[in-house]
């Protein structure tokens, strides 16, 4: 089984089914990643303060302090997916939006409770 890339950009591209070597959409994807990170900051994810993705060098360990916040990876990938390639079906779009909202609530709960 292939190891998940540690680069935030590469992980998100893999989640969007874009090969690492295809760079035509990198700037747009980076902008969307940073939008997701801004959302995390707004809900209180202080680990992301002053953090920005600029390319392939930023890794998940730069953004996530421990395994208790692994859902941040899923949040970022799904958030970017909604912006970059939203589902065409309204049912699929609603389901994905609800999933991202659920992740946001769970991250906020984890931050507030320390669990």
C-alpha atoms as a PDB file:
ATOM      1  CA  UNK A   1       0.000   0.000   0.000  1.00  0.00           C
ATOM      2  CA  UNK A   2       1.348   3.410  -0.961  1.00  0.00           C
ATOM      3  CA  UNK A   3       2.153   5.830   1.843  1.00  0.00           C
ATOM      4  CA  UNK A   4       0.065   9.003   2.004  1.00  0.00           C
ATOM      5  CA  UNK A   5       2.136  11.999   0.928  1.00  0.00           C
ATOM      6  CA  UNK A   6       3.197  14.187   3.812  1.00  0.00           C
ATOM      7  CA  UNK A   7       2.919  17.330   1.692  1.00  0.00           C
ATOM      8  CA  UNK A   8      -0.415  19.087   2.235  1.00  0.00           C
ATOM      9  CA  UNK A   9      -0.604  20.093  -1.427  1.00  0.00           C
ATOM     10  CA  UNK A  10       0.144  16.572  -2.663  1.00  0.00           C
ATOM     11  CA  UNK A  11      -2.412  15.034  -0.307  1.00  0.00           C
ATOM     12  CA  UNK A  12      -5.110  17.427  -1.464  1.00  0.00           C
ATOM     13  CA  UNK A  13      -4.231  16.815  -5.112  1.00  0.00           C
ATOM     14  CA  UNK A  14      -4.486  13.062  -4.507  1.00  0.00           C
ATOM     15  CA  UNK A  15      -7.889  13.643  -2.904  1.00  0.00           C
ATOM     16  CA  UNK A  16      -8.939  15.498  -6.047  1.00  0.00           C
ATOM     17  CA  UNK A  17      -7.578  12.628  -8.196  1.00  0.00           C
ATOM     18  CA  UNK A  18      -4.884  14.862  -9.702  1.00  0.00           C
ATOM     19  CA  UNK A  19      -1.435  13.346 -10.169  1.00  0.00           C
ATOM     20  CA  UNK A  20       1.401  15.059  -8.305  1.00  0.00           C
ATOM     21  CA  UNK A  21       3.257  15.983 -11.471  1.00  0.00           C
ATOM     22  CA  UNK A  22       0.321  17.893 -12.994  1.00  0.00           C
ATOM     23  CA  UNK A  23       0.754  21.468 -11.782  1.00  0.00           C
ATOM     24  CA  UNK A  24      -1.692  23.503 -13.897  1.00  0.00           C
ATOM     25  CA  UNK A  25      -4.137  23.896 -11.009  1.00  0.00           C
ATOM     26  CA  UNK A  26      -1.639  24.181  -8.154  1.00  0.00           C
ATOM     27  CA  UNK A  27      -2.154  27.894  -7.453  1.00  0.00           C
ATOM     28  CA  UNK A  28      -5.933  27.552  -7.383  1.00  0.00           C
ATOM     29  CA  UNK A  29      -5.660  24.505  -5.098  1.00  0.00           C
ATOM     30  CA  UNK A  30      -3.200  26.339  -2.825  1.00  0.00           C
ATOM     31  CA  UNK A  31      -5.633  29.263  -2.576  1.00  0.00           C
ATOM     32  CA  UNK A  32      -8.443  26.877  -1.612  1.00  0.00           C
ATOM     33  CA  UNK A  33      -6.225  25.105   0.937  1.00  0.00           C
ATOM     34  CA  UNK A  34      -5.446  28.449   2.548  1.00  0.00           C
ATOM     35  CA  UNK A  35      -9.164  29.264   2.582  1.00  0.00           C
ATOM     36  CA  UNK A  36      -9.788  25.992   4.435  1.00  0.00           C
ATOM     37  CA  UNK A  37      -7.008  26.860   6.874  1.00  0.00           C
ATOM     38  CA  UNK A  38      -8.553  30.315   7.417  1.00  0.00           C
ATOM     39  CA  UNK A  39     -11.832  28.592   8.256  1.00  0.00           C
ATOM     40  CA  UNK A  40     -10.009  26.403  10.769  1.00  0.00           C
ATOM     41  CA  UNK A  41      -8.520  29.516  12.378  1.00  0.00           C
ATOM     42  CA  UNK A  42     -11.971  31.122  12.593  1.00  0.00           C
ATOM     43  CA  UNK A  43     -13.346  28.121  14.492  1.00  0.00           C
ATOM     44  CA  UNK A  44     -10.478  28.338  16.952  1.00  0.00           C
ATOM     45  CA  UNK A  45      -7.861  25.989  15.515  1.00  0.00           C
ATOM     46  CA  UNK A  46      -4.978  28.047  16.902  1.00  0.00           C
ATOM     47  CA  UNK A  47      -2.369  25.598  15.572  1.00  0.00           C
ATOM     48  CA  UNK A  48      -2.945  27.183  12.164  1.00  0.00           C
ATOM     49  CA  UNK A  49      -2.251  30.759  13.265  1.00  0.00           C
ATOM     50  CA  UNK A  50       0.167  32.393  10.809  1.00  0.00           C
ATOM     51  CA  UNK A  51       0.279  29.184   8.743  1.00  0.00           C
ATOM     52  CA  UNK A  52       0.058  29.305   4.976  1.00  0.00           C
ATOM     53  CA  UNK A  53       0.626  26.783   2.215  1.00  0.00           C
ATOM     54  CA  UNK A  54       2.822  28.154  -0.574  1.00  0.00           C
ATOM     55  CA  UNK A  55       3.763  24.936  -2.366  1.00  0.00           C
ATOM     56  CA  UNK A  56       4.763  21.328  -1.751  1.00  0.00           C
ATOM     57  CA  UNK A  57       7.052  22.045   1.209  1.00  0.00           C
ATOM     58  CA  UNK A  58       4.379  22.483   3.888  1.00  0.00           C
ATOM     59  CA  UNK A  59       3.518  19.206   5.583  1.00  0.00           C
ATOM     60  CA  UNK A  60       0.722  17.955   7.788  1.00  0.00           C
ATOM     61  CA  UNK A  61       3.077  17.853  10.767  1.00  0.00           C
ATOM     62  CA  UNK A  62       3.454  21.636  10.344  1.00  0.00           C
ATOM     63  CA  UNK A  63      -0.321  22.019  10.734  1.00  0.00           C
ATOM     64  CA  UNK A  64      -1.342  19.151  13.019  1.00  0.00           C
ATOM     65  CA  UNK A  65       0.302  18.901  16.459  1.00  0.00           C
ATOM     66  CA  UNK A  66      -0.738  15.315  17.198  1.00  0.00           C
ATOM     67  CA  UNK A  67      -2.856  12.437  15.942  1.00  0.00           C
ATOM     68  CA  UNK A  68      -5.880  13.723  17.857  1.00  0.00           C
ATOM     69  CA  UNK A  69      -6.468  16.208  15.054  1.00  0.00           C
ATOM     70  CA  UNK A  70      -6.129  13.887  12.044  1.00  0.00           C
ATOM     71  CA  UNK A  71      -9.651  14.923  11.033  1.00  0.00           C
ATOM     72  CA  UNK A  72      -8.069  18.244   9.990  1.00  0.00           C
ATOM     73  CA  UNK A  73      -6.612  16.437   6.951  1.00  0.00           C
ATOM     74  CA  UNK A  74     -10.033  15.198   5.931  1.00  0.00           C
ATOM     75  CA  UNK A  75     -11.558  18.620   6.544  1.00  0.00           C
ATOM     76  CA  UNK A  76      -9.008  20.367   4.328  1.00  0.00           C
ATOM     77  CA  UNK A  77      -9.299  17.817   1.505  1.00  0.00           C
ATOM     78  CA  UNK A  78     -13.118  17.797   1.549  1.00  0.00           C
ATOM     79  CA  UNK A  79     -13.346  21.577   1.878  1.00  0.00           C
ATOM     80  CA  UNK A  80     -11.052  22.071  -1.121  1.00  0.00           C
ATOM     81  CA  UNK A  81     -12.979  19.435  -3.064  1.00  0.00           C
ATOM     82  CA  UNK A  82     -16.202  21.393  -2.530  1.00  0.00           C
ATOM     83  CA  UNK A  83     -14.596  24.537  -3.922  1.00  0.00           C
ATOM     84  CA  UNK A  84     -12.516  22.989  -6.687  1.00  0.00           C
ATOM     85  CA  UNK A  85     -14.814  20.251  -7.991  1.00  0.00           C
ATOM     86  CA  UNK A  86     -18.259  20.341  -6.371  1.00  0.00           C
ATOM     87  CA  UNK A  87     -20.614  17.431  -7.042  1.00  0.00           C
ATOM     88  CA  UNK A  88     -23.140  18.083  -9.808  1.00  0.00           C
ATOM     89  CA  UNK A  89     -25.946  16.246  -8.050  1.00  0.00           C
ATOM     90  CA  UNK A  90     -27.725  18.337  -5.414  1.00  0.00           C
ATOM     91  CA  UNK A  91     -27.990  15.256  -3.177  1.00  0.00           C
ATOM     92  CA  UNK A  92     -24.243  14.596  -3.354  1.00  0.00           C
ATOM     93  CA  UNK A  93     -23.496  18.290  -2.836  1.00  0.00           C
ATOM     94  CA  UNK A  94     -25.732  18.445   0.247  1.00  0.00           C
ATOM     95  CA  UNK A  95     -24.145  15.277   1.652  1.00  0.00           C
ATOM     96  CA  UNK A  96     -20.613  16.597   1.145  1.00  0.00           C
ATOM     97  CA  UNK A  97     -21.497  19.984   2.660  1.00  0.00           C
ATOM     98  CA  UNK A  98     -23.006  18.280   5.710  1.00  0.00           C
ATOM     99  CA  UNK A  99     -19.899  16.130   6.072  1.00  0.00           C
ATOM    100  CA  UNK A 100     -17.635  19.189   6.029  1.00  0.00           C
ATOM    101  CA  UNK A 101     -19.905  20.894   8.562  1.00  0.00           C
ATOM    102  CA  UNK A 102     -19.766  17.798  10.794  1.00  0.00           C
ATOM    103  CA  UNK A 103     -15.969  17.770  10.639  1.00  0.00           C
ATOM    104  CA  UNK A 104     -15.937  21.453  11.549  1.00  0.00           C
ATOM    105  CA  UNK A 105     -18.157  20.785  14.581  1.00  0.00           C
ATOM    106  CA  UNK A 106     -15.993  17.844  15.668  1.00  0.00           C
ATOM    107  CA  UNK A 107     -12.800  19.896  15.363  1.00  0.00           C
ATOM    108  CA  UNK A 108     -14.388  22.720  17.364  1.00  0.00           C
ATOM    109  CA  UNK A 109     -15.534  20.214  20.025  1.00  0.00           C
ATOM    110  CA  UNK A 110     -12.057  18.694  20.243  1.00  0.00           C
ATOM    111  CA  UNK A 111     -10.550  22.151  20.715  1.00  0.00           C
ATOM    112  CA  UNK A 112     -13.042  23.170  23.372  1.00  0.00           C
ATOM    113  CA  UNK A 113     -13.042  19.935  25.337  1.00  0.00           C
ATOM    114  CA  UNK A 114      -9.425  18.918  25.019  1.00  0.00           C
ATOM    115  CA  UNK A 115     -10.644  15.377  24.240  1.00  0.00           C
END
